[in-house]
Amino acid sequence: MSAPRRAALAALFCLAASLPSASKAQTVPVVTISPADSSIKFSVKSSLDVSGTFDKWDATLVFTSTDPTTGVLDIQIQAASVDTGSGMKDSTLKGSDFFNVDKDPLIKFHSTKIVQTAPTGYDVVGDFTIRGVTKPEKLSLVVTGVGTGVGAITGTMAFNRDDFGVNGSIPFVWIADRVEVSVDLKGRRVSGPPLKVKN
């Protein structure tokens, strides 16, 4: 066998050895989340309705085993996609006193721990980032359809906007400090085994 052919075969062998086997790839659930079927909304108590949704965002949920608590949830929201139904409110929220979208275009949540609190309930602790400021926050979630291949993840998170420098105001409008975020994520298991939930 010529030296070039031996070198090519050795390279192919090394490549094959570095790739996960089909059986290994199927040992964990692989889940996708569809933004088209999901929503992320927010609301703030105020003397004038301040609530809305975000039209552009991505979310991933990655597991290292069939135990749901091994999951890592990542959400990245394009702050400029805020939609309150009012162009004036949207423009104000995108400004430097609120989301500051020109300097900090992404609102992010990266989970660091998932704790099962009920047969379908989970507390998801993670790093929440807005305006470039990151602090730990908690999503309280209810998960339905686990093990069926198709399910929903719904829940809420509340944070104090002053903690993140979101301290803007609107003339003649009282706005509370507490912001509530609600998520409604639709997920689908595209490969791997189903998750195993502790009852």
N, C-alpha and C. Protein backbone atom coordinates (compact mmCIF):
# COMPACT_ATOMS: atom_id res chain seq x y z
N MET A 1 0.85 -1.19 0.00
CA MET A 1 0.00 0.00 0.00
C MET A 1 0.89 1.25 0.00
N SER A 2 0.55 2.19 -0.85
CA SER A 2 1.37 3.39 -0.97
C SER A 2 1.23 4.25 0.28
N ALA A 3 2.25 5.10 0.52
CA ALA A 3 2.24 5.98 1.69
C ALA A 3 1.06 6.95 1.66
N PRO A 4 0.70 7.57 0.51
CA PRO A 4 -0.46 8.48 0.50
C PRO A 4 -1.76 7.77 0.87
N ARG A 5 -1.90 6.50 0.38
CA ARG A 5 -3.14 5.78 0.68
C ARG A 5 -3.21 5.42 2.16
N ARG A 6 -2.05 5.00 2.73
CA ARG A 6 -2.03 4.68 4.17
C ARG A 6 -2.37 5.92 4.99
N ALA A 7 -1.88 7.09 4.58
CA ALA A 7 -2.16 8.33 5.31
C ALA A 7 -3.64 8.67 5.23
N ALA A 8 -4.25 8.46 4.05
CA ALA A 8 -5.67 8.76 3.88
C ALA A 8 -6.53 7.84 4.73
N LEU A 9 -6.17 6.53 4.76
CA LEU A 9 -6.93 5.58 5.57
C LEU A 9 -6.78 5.90 7.06
N ALA A 10 -5.60 6.32 7.49
CA ALA A 10 -5.38 6.67 8.89
C ALA A 10 -6.23 7.88 9.28
N ALA A 11 -6.31 8.85 8.36
CA ALA A 11 -7.12 10.04 8.63
C ALA A 11 -8.59 9.69 8.75
N LEU A 12 -9.07 8.80 7.86
CA LEU A 12 -10.47 8.37 7.92
C LEU A 12 -10.77 7.62 9.21
N PHE A 13 -9.82 6.78 9.64
CA PHE A 13 -10.00 6.02 10.88
C PHE A 13 -10.11 6.96 12.08
N CYS A 14 -9.23 7.96 12.12
CA CYS A 14 -9.26 8.93 13.23
C CYS A 14 -10.57 9.71 13.25
N LEU A 15 -11.06 10.07 12.06
CA LEU A 15 -12.31 10.82 11.98
C LEU A 15 -13.47 9.98 12.47
N ALA A 16 -13.51 8.71 12.04
CA ALA A 16 -14.59 7.82 12.46
C ALA A 16 -14.57 7.60 13.96
N ALA A 17 -13.38 7.49 14.52
CA ALA A 17 -13.27 7.25 15.96
C ALA A 17 -13.74 8.45 16.77
N SER A 18 -13.60 9.64 16.18
CA SER A 18 -13.98 10.85 16.92
C SER A 18 -15.47 11.14 16.87
N LEU A 19 -16.19 10.51 15.93
CA LEU A 19 -17.62 10.75 15.80
C LEU A 19 -18.40 9.86 16.75
N PRO A 20 -19.53 10.37 17.35
CA PRO A 20 -20.34 9.55 18.23
C PRO A 20 -21.03 8.45 17.45
N SER A 21 -21.11 7.28 18.05
CA SER A 21 -21.79 6.17 17.38
C SER A 21 -23.28 6.44 17.35
N ALA A 22 -23.98 5.76 16.45
CA ALA A 22 -25.43 5.95 16.34
C ALA A 22 -26.13 5.57 17.64
N SER A 23 -25.63 4.48 18.28
CA SER A 23 -26.27 4.04 19.53
C SER A 23 -26.05 5.06 20.63
N LYS A 24 -24.83 5.67 20.68
CA LYS A 24 -24.55 6.66 21.71
C LYS A 24 -25.40 7.91 21.50
N ALA A 25 -25.56 8.31 20.22
CA ALA A 25 -26.32 9.52 19.93
C ALA A 25 -27.77 9.37 20.35
N GLN A 26 -28.25 8.15 20.45
CA GLN A 26 -29.65 7.91 20.77
C GLN A 26 -29.89 7.66 22.26
N THR A 27 -28.90 7.83 23.11
CA THR A 27 -29.08 7.55 24.53
C THR A 27 -29.69 8.71 25.29
N VAL A 28 -29.77 9.89 24.66
CA VAL A 28 -30.37 11.04 25.33
C VAL A 28 -31.47 11.61 24.44
N PRO A 29 -32.50 12.20 25.05
CA PRO A 29 -33.55 12.82 24.25
C PRO A 29 -33.03 14.07 23.54
N VAL A 30 -33.44 14.25 22.31
CA VAL A 30 -33.10 15.46 21.55
C VAL A 30 -34.42 16.20 21.31
N VAL A 31 -34.51 17.39 21.87
CA VAL A 31 -35.76 18.15 21.84
C VAL A 31 -35.56 19.46 21.08
N THR A 32 -36.53 19.83 20.27
CA THR A 32 -36.52 21.12 19.61
C THR A 32 -37.70 21.95 20.10
N ILE A 33 -37.52 23.26 20.14
CA ILE A 33 -38.58 24.19 20.54
C ILE A 33 -38.91 25.06 19.34
N SER A 34 -40.19 25.18 19.05
CA SER A 34 -40.63 25.92 17.88
C SER A 34 -41.13 27.31 18.27
N PRO A 35 -40.39 28.37 17.94
CA PRO A 35 -40.87 29.73 18.24
C PRO A 35 -42.20 30.04 17.56
N ALA A 36 -42.44 29.43 16.39
CA ALA A 36 -43.67 29.72 15.65
C ALA A 36 -44.91 29.31 16.44
N ASP A 37 -44.78 28.29 17.28
CA ASP A 37 -45.92 27.79 18.07
C ASP A 37 -45.85 28.23 19.53
N SER A 38 -44.88 29.06 19.87
CA SER A 38 -44.62 29.42 21.26
C SER A 38 -44.70 30.93 21.44
N SER A 39 -44.57 31.38 22.69
CA SER A 39 -44.60 32.82 22.93
C SER A 39 -43.83 33.16 24.20
N ILE A 40 -43.30 34.38 24.23
CA ILE A 40 -42.68 34.95 25.42
C ILE A 40 -43.29 36.33 25.62
N LYS A 41 -43.94 36.53 26.76
CA LYS A 41 -44.65 37.78 27.01
C LYS A 41 -44.16 38.42 28.30
N PHE A 42 -44.49 39.70 28.49
CA PHE A 42 -44.14 40.40 29.71
C PHE A 42 -45.26 41.37 30.07
N SER A 43 -45.31 41.72 31.35
CA SER A 43 -46.30 42.70 31.80
C SER A 43 -45.76 43.41 33.03
N VAL A 44 -46.17 44.66 33.18
CA VAL A 44 -45.77 45.48 34.32
C VAL A 44 -47.01 46.21 34.82
N LYS A 45 -47.25 46.18 36.11
CA LYS A 45 -48.36 46.96 36.65
C LYS A 45 -48.05 48.45 36.48
N SER A 46 -49.03 49.19 35.98
CA SER A 46 -48.82 50.61 35.75
C SER A 46 -50.17 51.30 35.60
N SER A 47 -50.13 52.63 35.60
CA SER A 47 -51.36 53.39 35.42
C SER A 47 -51.81 53.38 33.96
N LEU A 48 -50.95 52.92 33.06
CA LEU A 48 -51.27 52.74 31.65
C LEU A 48 -50.73 51.37 31.25
N ASP A 49 -51.53 50.59 30.56
CA ASP A 49 -51.14 49.22 30.24
C ASP A 49 -49.74 49.17 29.60
N VAL A 50 -48.85 48.42 30.24
CA VAL A 50 -47.52 48.17 29.68
C VAL A 50 -47.32 46.66 29.67
N SER A 51 -47.63 46.06 28.55
CA SER A 51 -47.47 44.61 28.38
C SER A 51 -47.26 44.33 26.91
N GLY A 52 -46.69 43.19 26.63
CA GLY A 52 -46.45 42.88 25.24
C GLY A 52 -45.77 41.55 25.06
N THR A 53 -45.23 41.36 23.90
CA THR A 53 -44.57 40.11 23.57
C THR A 53 -43.30 40.41 22.79
N PHE A 54 -42.50 39.38 22.56
CA PHE A 54 -41.31 39.51 21.73
C PHE A 54 -41.50 38.63 20.50
N ASP A 55 -41.28 39.21 19.33
CA ASP A 55 -41.55 38.49 18.09
C ASP A 55 -40.38 37.65 17.60
N LYS A 56 -39.15 37.97 18.05
CA LYS A 56 -37.98 37.24 17.56
C LYS A 56 -37.15 36.72 18.73
N TRP A 57 -37.02 35.42 18.81
CA TRP A 57 -36.23 34.80 19.87
C TRP A 57 -35.94 33.35 19.48
N ASP A 58 -34.98 32.77 20.18
CA ASP A 58 -34.64 31.36 19.99
C ASP A 58 -34.50 30.70 21.35
N ALA A 59 -34.81 29.42 21.41
CA ALA A 59 -34.67 28.67 22.66
C ALA A 59 -34.17 27.27 22.35
N THR A 60 -33.29 26.77 23.21
CA THR A 60 -32.82 25.39 23.10
C THR A 60 -32.95 24.72 24.46
N LEU A 61 -33.19 23.41 24.42
CA LEU A 61 -33.27 22.61 25.64
C LEU A 61 -32.48 21.33 25.40
N VAL A 62 -31.34 21.21 26.10
CA VAL A 62 -30.41 20.11 25.86
C VAL A 62 -30.33 19.23 27.11
N PHE A 63 -30.43 17.92 26.93
CA PHE A 63 -30.37 16.97 28.04
C PHE A 63 -29.12 16.11 27.93
N THR A 64 -28.59 15.70 29.10
CA THR A 64 -27.46 14.77 29.12
C THR A 64 -27.88 13.37 29.52
N SER A 65 -29.16 13.20 29.88
CA SER A 65 -29.71 11.89 30.20
C SER A 65 -31.22 11.97 30.07
N THR A 66 -31.92 10.92 30.43
CA THR A 66 -33.38 10.92 30.37
C THR A 66 -34.01 11.57 31.60
N ASP A 67 -33.18 12.02 32.53
CA ASP A 67 -33.66 12.74 33.71
C ASP A 67 -33.92 14.20 33.33
N PRO A 68 -35.17 14.69 33.47
CA PRO A 68 -35.47 16.07 33.08
C PRO A 68 -34.61 17.12 33.78
N THR A 69 -34.13 16.81 35.00
CA THR A 69 -33.36 17.80 35.74
C THR A 69 -31.95 17.99 35.20
N THR A 70 -31.55 17.16 34.21
CA THR A 70 -30.24 17.35 33.57
C THR A 70 -30.31 18.32 32.40
N GLY A 71 -31.50 18.85 32.15
CA GLY A 71 -31.67 19.75 31.02
C GLY A 71 -31.01 21.10 31.24
N VAL A 72 -30.63 21.74 30.15
CA VAL A 72 -30.11 23.11 30.16
C VAL A 72 -30.96 23.91 29.18
N LEU A 73 -31.63 24.93 29.71
CA LEU A 73 -32.51 25.77 28.90
C LEU A 73 -31.80 27.09 28.57
N ASP A 74 -31.73 27.40 27.30
CA ASP A 74 -31.16 28.67 26.84
C ASP A 74 -32.21 29.42 26.03
N ILE A 75 -32.41 30.68 26.39
CA ILE A 75 -33.34 31.54 25.65
C ILE A 75 -32.61 32.83 25.29
N GLN A 76 -32.68 33.21 24.03
CA GLN A 76 -32.10 34.47 23.58
C GLN A 76 -33.17 35.26 22.83
N ILE A 77 -33.48 36.45 23.36
CA ILE A 77 -34.54 37.30 22.82
C ILE A 77 -33.92 38.52 22.16
N GLN A 78 -34.38 38.86 20.99
CA GLN A 78 -33.97 40.10 20.35
C GLN A 78 -34.84 41.22 20.93
N ALA A 79 -34.23 42.04 21.78
CA ALA A 79 -34.99 43.06 22.51
C ALA A 79 -35.72 44.01 21.58
N ALA A 80 -35.16 44.27 20.41
CA ALA A 80 -35.78 45.20 19.47
C ALA A 80 -37.07 44.65 18.87
N SER A 81 -37.36 43.37 19.10
CA SER A 81 -38.59 42.78 18.57
C SER A 81 -39.77 42.95 19.51
N VAL A 82 -39.62 43.80 20.55
CA VAL A 82 -40.70 44.03 21.50
C VAL A 82 -41.93 44.56 20.77
N ASP A 83 -43.09 44.05 21.14
CA ASP A 83 -44.34 44.43 20.48
C ASP A 83 -45.43 44.60 21.53
N THR A 84 -45.77 45.86 21.80
CA THR A 84 -46.84 46.17 22.77
C THR A 84 -48.14 46.52 22.07
N GLY A 85 -48.10 46.58 20.74
CA GLY A 85 -49.28 47.03 20.01
C GLY A 85 -49.31 48.54 19.83
N SER A 86 -48.30 49.23 20.39
CA SER A 86 -48.22 50.68 20.28
C SER A 86 -46.81 51.06 19.82
N GLY A 87 -46.72 51.73 18.68
CA GLY A 87 -45.42 52.14 18.19
C GLY A 87 -44.70 53.08 19.14
N MET A 88 -45.45 53.94 19.82
CA MET A 88 -44.85 54.88 20.77
C MET A 88 -44.25 54.14 21.96
N LYS A 89 -45.00 53.17 22.51
CA LYS A 89 -44.48 52.39 23.64
C LYS A 89 -43.27 51.57 23.22
N ASP A 90 -43.36 50.96 22.04
CA ASP A 90 -42.24 50.14 21.56
C ASP A 90 -40.98 50.99 21.44
N SER A 91 -41.11 52.16 20.88
CA SER A 91 -39.95 53.05 20.71
C SER A 91 -39.35 53.44 22.05
N THR A 92 -40.22 53.71 23.03
CA THR A 92 -39.75 54.07 24.37
C THR A 92 -39.01 52.91 25.02
N LEU A 93 -39.58 51.71 24.92
CA LEU A 93 -38.96 50.54 25.55
C LEU A 93 -37.63 50.17 24.90
N LYS A 94 -37.47 50.46 23.63
CA LYS A 94 -36.21 50.16 22.95
C LYS A 94 -35.11 51.15 23.32
N GLY A 95 -35.48 52.28 23.92
CA GLY A 95 -34.54 53.35 24.20
C GLY A 95 -33.56 53.05 25.32
N SER A 96 -32.65 54.00 25.55
CA SER A 96 -31.55 53.81 26.49
C SER A 96 -31.99 53.70 27.94
N ASP A 97 -33.18 54.20 28.28
CA ASP A 97 -33.65 54.11 29.67
C ASP A 97 -34.30 52.77 29.99
N PHE A 98 -34.62 52.01 28.94
CA PHE A 98 -35.27 50.71 29.15
C PHE A 98 -34.39 49.58 28.60
N PHE A 99 -34.70 49.01 27.45
CA PHE A 99 -33.96 47.86 26.94
C PHE A 99 -32.60 48.24 26.34
N ASN A 100 -32.46 49.49 25.90
CA ASN A 100 -31.18 49.95 25.34
C ASN A 100 -30.71 49.03 24.22
N VAL A 101 -31.60 48.82 23.24
CA VAL A 101 -31.36 47.79 22.22
C VAL A 101 -30.14 48.05 21.34
N ASP A 102 -29.77 49.30 21.15
CA ASP A 102 -28.61 49.59 20.30
C ASP A 102 -27.31 49.08 20.91
N LYS A 103 -27.22 49.14 22.23
CA LYS A 103 -26.00 48.71 22.92
C LYS A 103 -26.11 47.27 23.41
N ASP A 104 -27.30 46.86 23.83
CA ASP A 104 -27.51 45.51 24.39
C ASP A 104 -28.69 44.86 23.68
N PRO A 105 -28.45 44.30 22.49
CA PRO A 105 -29.56 43.81 21.66
C PRO A 105 -30.23 42.54 22.16
N LEU A 106 -29.58 41.78 23.06
CA LEU A 106 -30.13 40.49 23.48
C LEU A 106 -30.54 40.48 24.95
N ILE A 107 -31.69 39.87 25.20
CA ILE A 107 -32.13 39.51 26.56
C ILE A 107 -31.95 38.00 26.65
N LYS A 108 -31.24 37.52 27.68
CA LYS A 108 -30.88 36.11 27.70
C LYS A 108 -31.21 35.44 29.04
N PHE A 109 -31.50 34.15 28.95
CA PHE A 109 -31.65 33.31 30.15
C PHE A 109 -30.92 32.01 29.88
N HIS A 110 -29.99 31.65 30.79
CA HIS A 110 -29.24 30.39 30.69
C HIS A 110 -29.38 29.65 32.01
N SER A 111 -30.05 28.52 31.97
CA SER A 111 -30.31 27.78 33.21
C SER A 111 -29.04 27.14 33.75
N THR A 112 -28.93 27.13 35.07
CA THR A 112 -27.80 26.50 35.74
C THR A 112 -28.23 25.35 36.64
N LYS A 113 -29.53 25.25 36.91
CA LYS A 113 -30.02 24.18 37.77
C LYS A 113 -31.52 24.01 37.56
N ILE A 114 -31.96 22.75 37.48
CA ILE A 114 -33.39 22.43 37.37
C ILE A 114 -33.76 21.52 38.52
N VAL A 115 -34.78 21.90 39.28
CA VAL A 115 -35.24 21.12 40.42
C VAL A 115 -36.71 20.76 40.21
N GLN A 116 -37.02 19.47 40.32
CA GLN A 116 -38.42 19.06 40.21
C GLN A 116 -39.13 19.33 41.52
N THR A 117 -40.23 20.08 41.45
CA THR A 117 -40.97 20.46 42.65
C THR A 117 -42.32 19.76 42.77
N ALA A 118 -42.77 19.12 41.71
CA ALA A 118 -44.05 18.42 41.66
C ALA A 118 -44.00 17.47 40.47
N PRO A 119 -44.99 16.59 40.33
CA PRO A 119 -44.96 15.67 39.18
C PRO A 119 -44.78 16.37 37.84
N THR A 120 -45.34 17.58 37.70
CA THR A 120 -45.17 18.32 36.45
C THR A 120 -44.54 19.70 36.66
N GLY A 121 -44.07 19.97 37.87
CA GLY A 121 -43.54 21.28 38.20
C GLY A 121 -42.04 21.30 38.37
N TYR A 122 -41.41 22.39 37.89
CA TYR A 122 -39.95 22.52 37.97
C TYR A 122 -39.58 23.97 38.27
N ASP A 123 -38.57 24.13 39.11
CA ASP A 123 -37.94 25.43 39.31
C ASP A 123 -36.64 25.44 38.51
N VAL A 124 -36.53 26.40 37.63
CA VAL A 124 -35.35 26.50 36.77
C VAL A 124 -34.58 27.75 37.16
N VAL A 125 -33.45 27.55 37.82
CA VAL A 125 -32.60 28.67 38.25
C VAL A 125 -31.58 28.94 37.14
N GLY A 126 -31.34 30.21 36.87
CA GLY A 126 -30.39 30.51 35.81
C GLY A 126 -29.91 31.94 35.83
N ASP A 127 -29.04 32.24 34.89
CA ASP A 127 -28.48 33.59 34.74
C ASP A 127 -29.35 34.36 33.75
N PHE A 128 -29.94 35.44 34.24
CA PHE A 128 -30.80 36.29 33.42
C PHE A 128 -30.03 37.56 33.09
N THR A 129 -30.00 37.92 31.80
CA THR A 129 -29.25 39.08 31.35
C THR A 129 -30.15 40.04 30.59
N ILE A 130 -30.13 41.30 31.01
CA ILE A 130 -30.83 42.35 30.29
C ILE A 130 -30.03 43.64 30.45
N ARG A 131 -29.89 44.39 29.37
CA ARG A 131 -29.07 45.60 29.36
C ARG A 131 -27.61 45.29 29.70
N GLY A 132 -27.17 44.07 29.44
CA GLY A 132 -25.80 43.68 29.73
C GLY A 132 -25.54 43.35 31.19
N VAL A 133 -26.57 43.40 32.03
CA VAL A 133 -26.44 43.07 33.45
C VAL A 133 -26.97 41.66 33.67
N THR A 134 -26.20 40.83 34.36
CA THR A 134 -26.57 39.44 34.60
C THR A 134 -26.75 39.18 36.09
N LYS A 135 -27.87 38.58 36.43
CA LYS A 135 -28.15 38.21 37.83
C LYS A 135 -28.93 36.90 37.84
N PRO A 136 -28.84 36.15 38.96
CA PRO A 136 -29.59 34.89 39.03
C PRO A 136 -31.09 35.16 39.22
N GLU A 137 -31.90 34.43 38.47
CA GLU A 137 -33.35 34.52 38.58
C GLU A 137 -33.92 33.11 38.46
N LYS A 138 -35.22 32.98 38.70
CA LYS A 138 -35.84 31.65 38.70
C LYS A 138 -37.11 31.63 37.85
N LEU A 139 -37.18 30.66 36.96
CA LEU A 139 -38.39 30.37 36.21
C LEU A 139 -39.13 29.25 36.90
N SER A 140 -40.41 29.45 37.19
CA SER A 140 -41.24 28.38 37.75
C SER A 140 -42.08 27.83 36.61
N LEU A 141 -41.86 26.55 36.28
CA LEU A 141 -42.45 25.98 35.08
C LEU A 141 -43.35 24.79 35.36
N VAL A 142 -44.33 24.61 34.50
CA VAL A 142 -45.15 23.40 34.46
C VAL A 142 -44.92 22.76 33.10
N VAL A 143 -44.59 21.47 33.11
CA VAL A 143 -44.28 20.76 31.87
C VAL A 143 -45.35 19.70 31.64
N THR A 144 -45.94 19.69 30.47
CA THR A 144 -46.95 18.69 30.13
C THR A 144 -46.51 17.91 28.92
N GLY A 145 -46.98 16.67 28.82
CA GLY A 145 -46.67 15.84 27.67
C GLY A 145 -45.34 15.14 27.72
N VAL A 146 -44.67 15.16 28.89
CA VAL A 146 -43.37 14.50 28.99
C VAL A 146 -43.51 13.01 28.69
N GLY A 147 -42.65 12.50 27.82
CA GLY A 147 -42.69 11.08 27.47
C GLY A 147 -43.54 10.79 26.26
N THR A 148 -44.33 11.76 25.79
CA THR A 148 -45.20 11.53 24.64
C THR A 148 -44.57 11.94 23.33
N GLY A 149 -43.49 12.72 23.40
CA GLY A 149 -42.86 13.19 22.17
C GLY A 149 -43.21 14.62 21.83
N VAL A 150 -44.34 15.09 22.34
CA VAL A 150 -44.76 16.48 22.11
C VAL A 150 -45.25 17.04 23.44
N GLY A 151 -44.80 18.24 23.81
CA GLY A 151 -45.21 18.79 25.10
C GLY A 151 -45.14 20.29 25.13
N ALA A 152 -45.52 20.83 26.29
CA ALA A 152 -45.52 22.27 26.49
C ALA A 152 -44.81 22.62 27.79
N ILE A 153 -44.10 23.72 27.77
CA ILE A 153 -43.41 24.25 28.95
C ILE A 153 -43.98 25.65 29.19
N THR A 154 -44.73 25.80 30.27
CA THR A 154 -45.34 27.09 30.56
C THR A 154 -44.94 27.53 31.96
N GLY A 155 -44.81 28.83 32.15
CA GLY A 155 -44.44 29.31 33.48
C GLY A 155 -44.14 30.79 33.50
N THR A 156 -43.64 31.23 34.66
CA THR A 156 -43.41 32.65 34.86
C THR A 156 -42.09 32.92 35.58
N MET A 157 -41.62 34.13 35.41
CA MET A 157 -40.47 34.63 36.15
C MET A 157 -40.75 36.10 36.45
N ALA A 158 -40.42 36.53 37.66
CA ALA A 158 -40.60 37.94 38.02
C ALA A 158 -39.26 38.50 38.46
N PHE A 159 -38.96 39.74 38.05
CA PHE A 159 -37.71 40.36 38.46
C PHE A 159 -37.94 41.85 38.71
N ASN A 160 -37.04 42.45 39.47
CA ASN A 160 -37.09 43.87 39.76
C ASN A 160 -36.27 44.61 38.70
N ARG A 161 -36.93 45.44 37.92
CA ARG A 161 -36.24 46.08 36.80
C ARG A 161 -35.12 47.01 37.26
N ASP A 162 -35.24 47.59 38.45
CA ASP A 162 -34.18 48.47 38.95
C ASP A 162 -32.87 47.72 39.14
N ASP A 163 -32.96 46.41 39.46
CA ASP A 163 -31.75 45.61 39.66
C ASP A 163 -30.91 45.51 38.39
N PHE A 164 -31.56 45.74 37.25
CA PHE A 164 -30.87 45.60 35.96
C PHE A 164 -30.69 46.94 35.26
N GLY A 165 -31.00 48.01 35.94
CA GLY A 165 -30.84 49.33 35.36
C GLY A 165 -31.93 49.72 34.38
N VAL A 166 -33.04 48.96 34.41
CA VAL A 166 -34.18 49.30 33.55
C VAL A 166 -35.04 50.28 34.34
N ASN A 167 -34.56 51.47 34.50
CA ASN A 167 -35.21 52.42 35.42
C ASN A 167 -35.82 53.62 34.71
N GLY A 168 -36.16 53.43 33.44
CA GLY A 168 -36.80 54.50 32.69
C GLY A 168 -38.22 54.76 33.16
N SER A 169 -38.77 55.87 32.72
CA SER A 169 -40.14 56.23 33.07
C SER A 169 -40.83 56.83 31.85
N ILE A 170 -42.14 56.90 31.92
CA ILE A 170 -42.95 57.50 30.88
C ILE A 170 -43.69 58.67 31.52
N PRO A 171 -43.62 59.86 30.94
CA PRO A 171 -44.28 61.02 31.55
C PRO A 171 -45.74 60.76 31.92
N PHE A 172 -46.07 61.11 33.16
CA PHE A 172 -47.44 61.02 33.68
C PHE A 172 -47.95 59.58 33.81
N VAL A 173 -47.04 58.61 33.73
CA VAL A 173 -47.43 57.20 33.86
C VAL A 173 -46.65 56.57 35.00
N TRP A 174 -47.36 55.96 35.96
CA TRP A 174 -46.71 55.23 37.04
C TRP A 174 -46.43 53.82 36.57
N ILE A 175 -45.18 53.37 36.76
CA ILE A 175 -44.79 52.01 36.35
C ILE A 175 -44.15 51.31 37.54
N ALA A 176 -44.64 50.13 37.87
CA ALA A 176 -44.10 49.36 38.99
C ALA A 176 -42.70 48.87 38.68
N ASP A 177 -41.97 48.49 39.72
CA ASP A 177 -40.62 47.95 39.54
C ASP A 177 -40.63 46.48 39.14
N ARG A 178 -41.66 45.75 39.55
CA ARG A 178 -41.73 44.31 39.31
C ARG A 178 -42.21 44.03 37.88
N VAL A 179 -41.43 43.25 37.17
CA VAL A 179 -41.78 42.84 35.81
C VAL A 179 -42.05 41.35 35.82
N GLU A 180 -43.15 40.93 35.22
CA GLU A 180 -43.48 39.52 35.13
C GLU A 180 -43.32 39.04 33.69
N VAL A 181 -42.61 37.94 33.55
CA VAL A 181 -42.38 37.34 32.24
C VAL A 181 -43.07 35.99 32.20
N SER A 182 -43.79 35.71 31.14
CA SER A 182 -44.44 34.41 30.99
C SER A 182 -43.96 33.74 29.71
N VAL A 183 -43.70 32.45 29.82
CA VAL A 183 -43.24 31.69 28.66
C VAL A 183 -44.23 30.58 28.36
N ASP A 184 -44.42 30.32 27.09
CA ASP A 184 -45.27 29.21 26.64
C ASP A 184 -44.52 28.58 25.47
N LEU A 185 -43.75 27.56 25.77
CA LEU A 185 -42.87 26.94 24.79
C LEU A 185 -43.42 25.59 24.37
N LYS A 186 -43.49 25.35 23.08
CA LYS A 186 -43.93 24.07 22.56
C LYS A 186 -42.71 23.28 22.09
N GLY A 187 -42.53 22.09 22.67
CA GLY A 187 -41.37 21.28 22.34
C GLY A 187 -41.73 19.96 21.68
N ARG A 188 -40.77 19.41 20.94
CA ARG A 188 -40.96 18.12 20.27
C ARG A 188 -39.67 17.31 20.37
N ARG A 189 -39.81 16.04 20.79
CA ARG A 189 -38.65 15.15 20.82
C ARG A 189 -38.45 14.60 19.42
N VAL A 190 -37.30 14.91 18.83
CA VAL A 190 -37.06 14.51 17.45
C VAL A 190 -36.25 13.22 17.35
N SER A 191 -35.59 12.84 18.44
CA SER A 191 -34.86 11.58 18.46
C SER A 191 -34.52 11.22 19.89
N GLY A 192 -34.02 10.01 20.08
CA GLY A 192 -33.64 9.56 21.41
C GLY A 192 -34.82 9.05 22.23
N PRO A 193 -34.55 8.55 23.42
CA PRO A 193 -35.59 7.99 24.28
C PRO A 193 -36.41 9.07 24.94
N PRO A 194 -37.58 8.71 25.48
CA PRO A 194 -38.38 9.70 26.19
C PRO A 194 -37.77 10.05 27.54
N LEU A 195 -38.11 11.22 28.06
CA LEU A 195 -37.70 11.60 29.40
C LEU A 195 -38.42 10.75 30.44
N LYS A 196 -37.76 10.53 31.56
CA LYS A 196 -38.35 9.74 32.64
C LYS A 196 -38.61 10.66 33.83
N VAL A 197 -39.87 10.87 34.14
CA VAL A 197 -40.26 11.81 35.19
C VAL A 197 -40.51 11.05 36.48
N LYS A 198 -40.04 11.64 37.60
CA LYS A 198 -40.33 11.07 38.92
C LYS A 198 -41.68 11.55 39.39
N ASN A 199 -42.56 10.63 39.71
CA ASN A 199 -43.90 11.00 40.19
C ASN A 199 -43.91 11.27 41.69
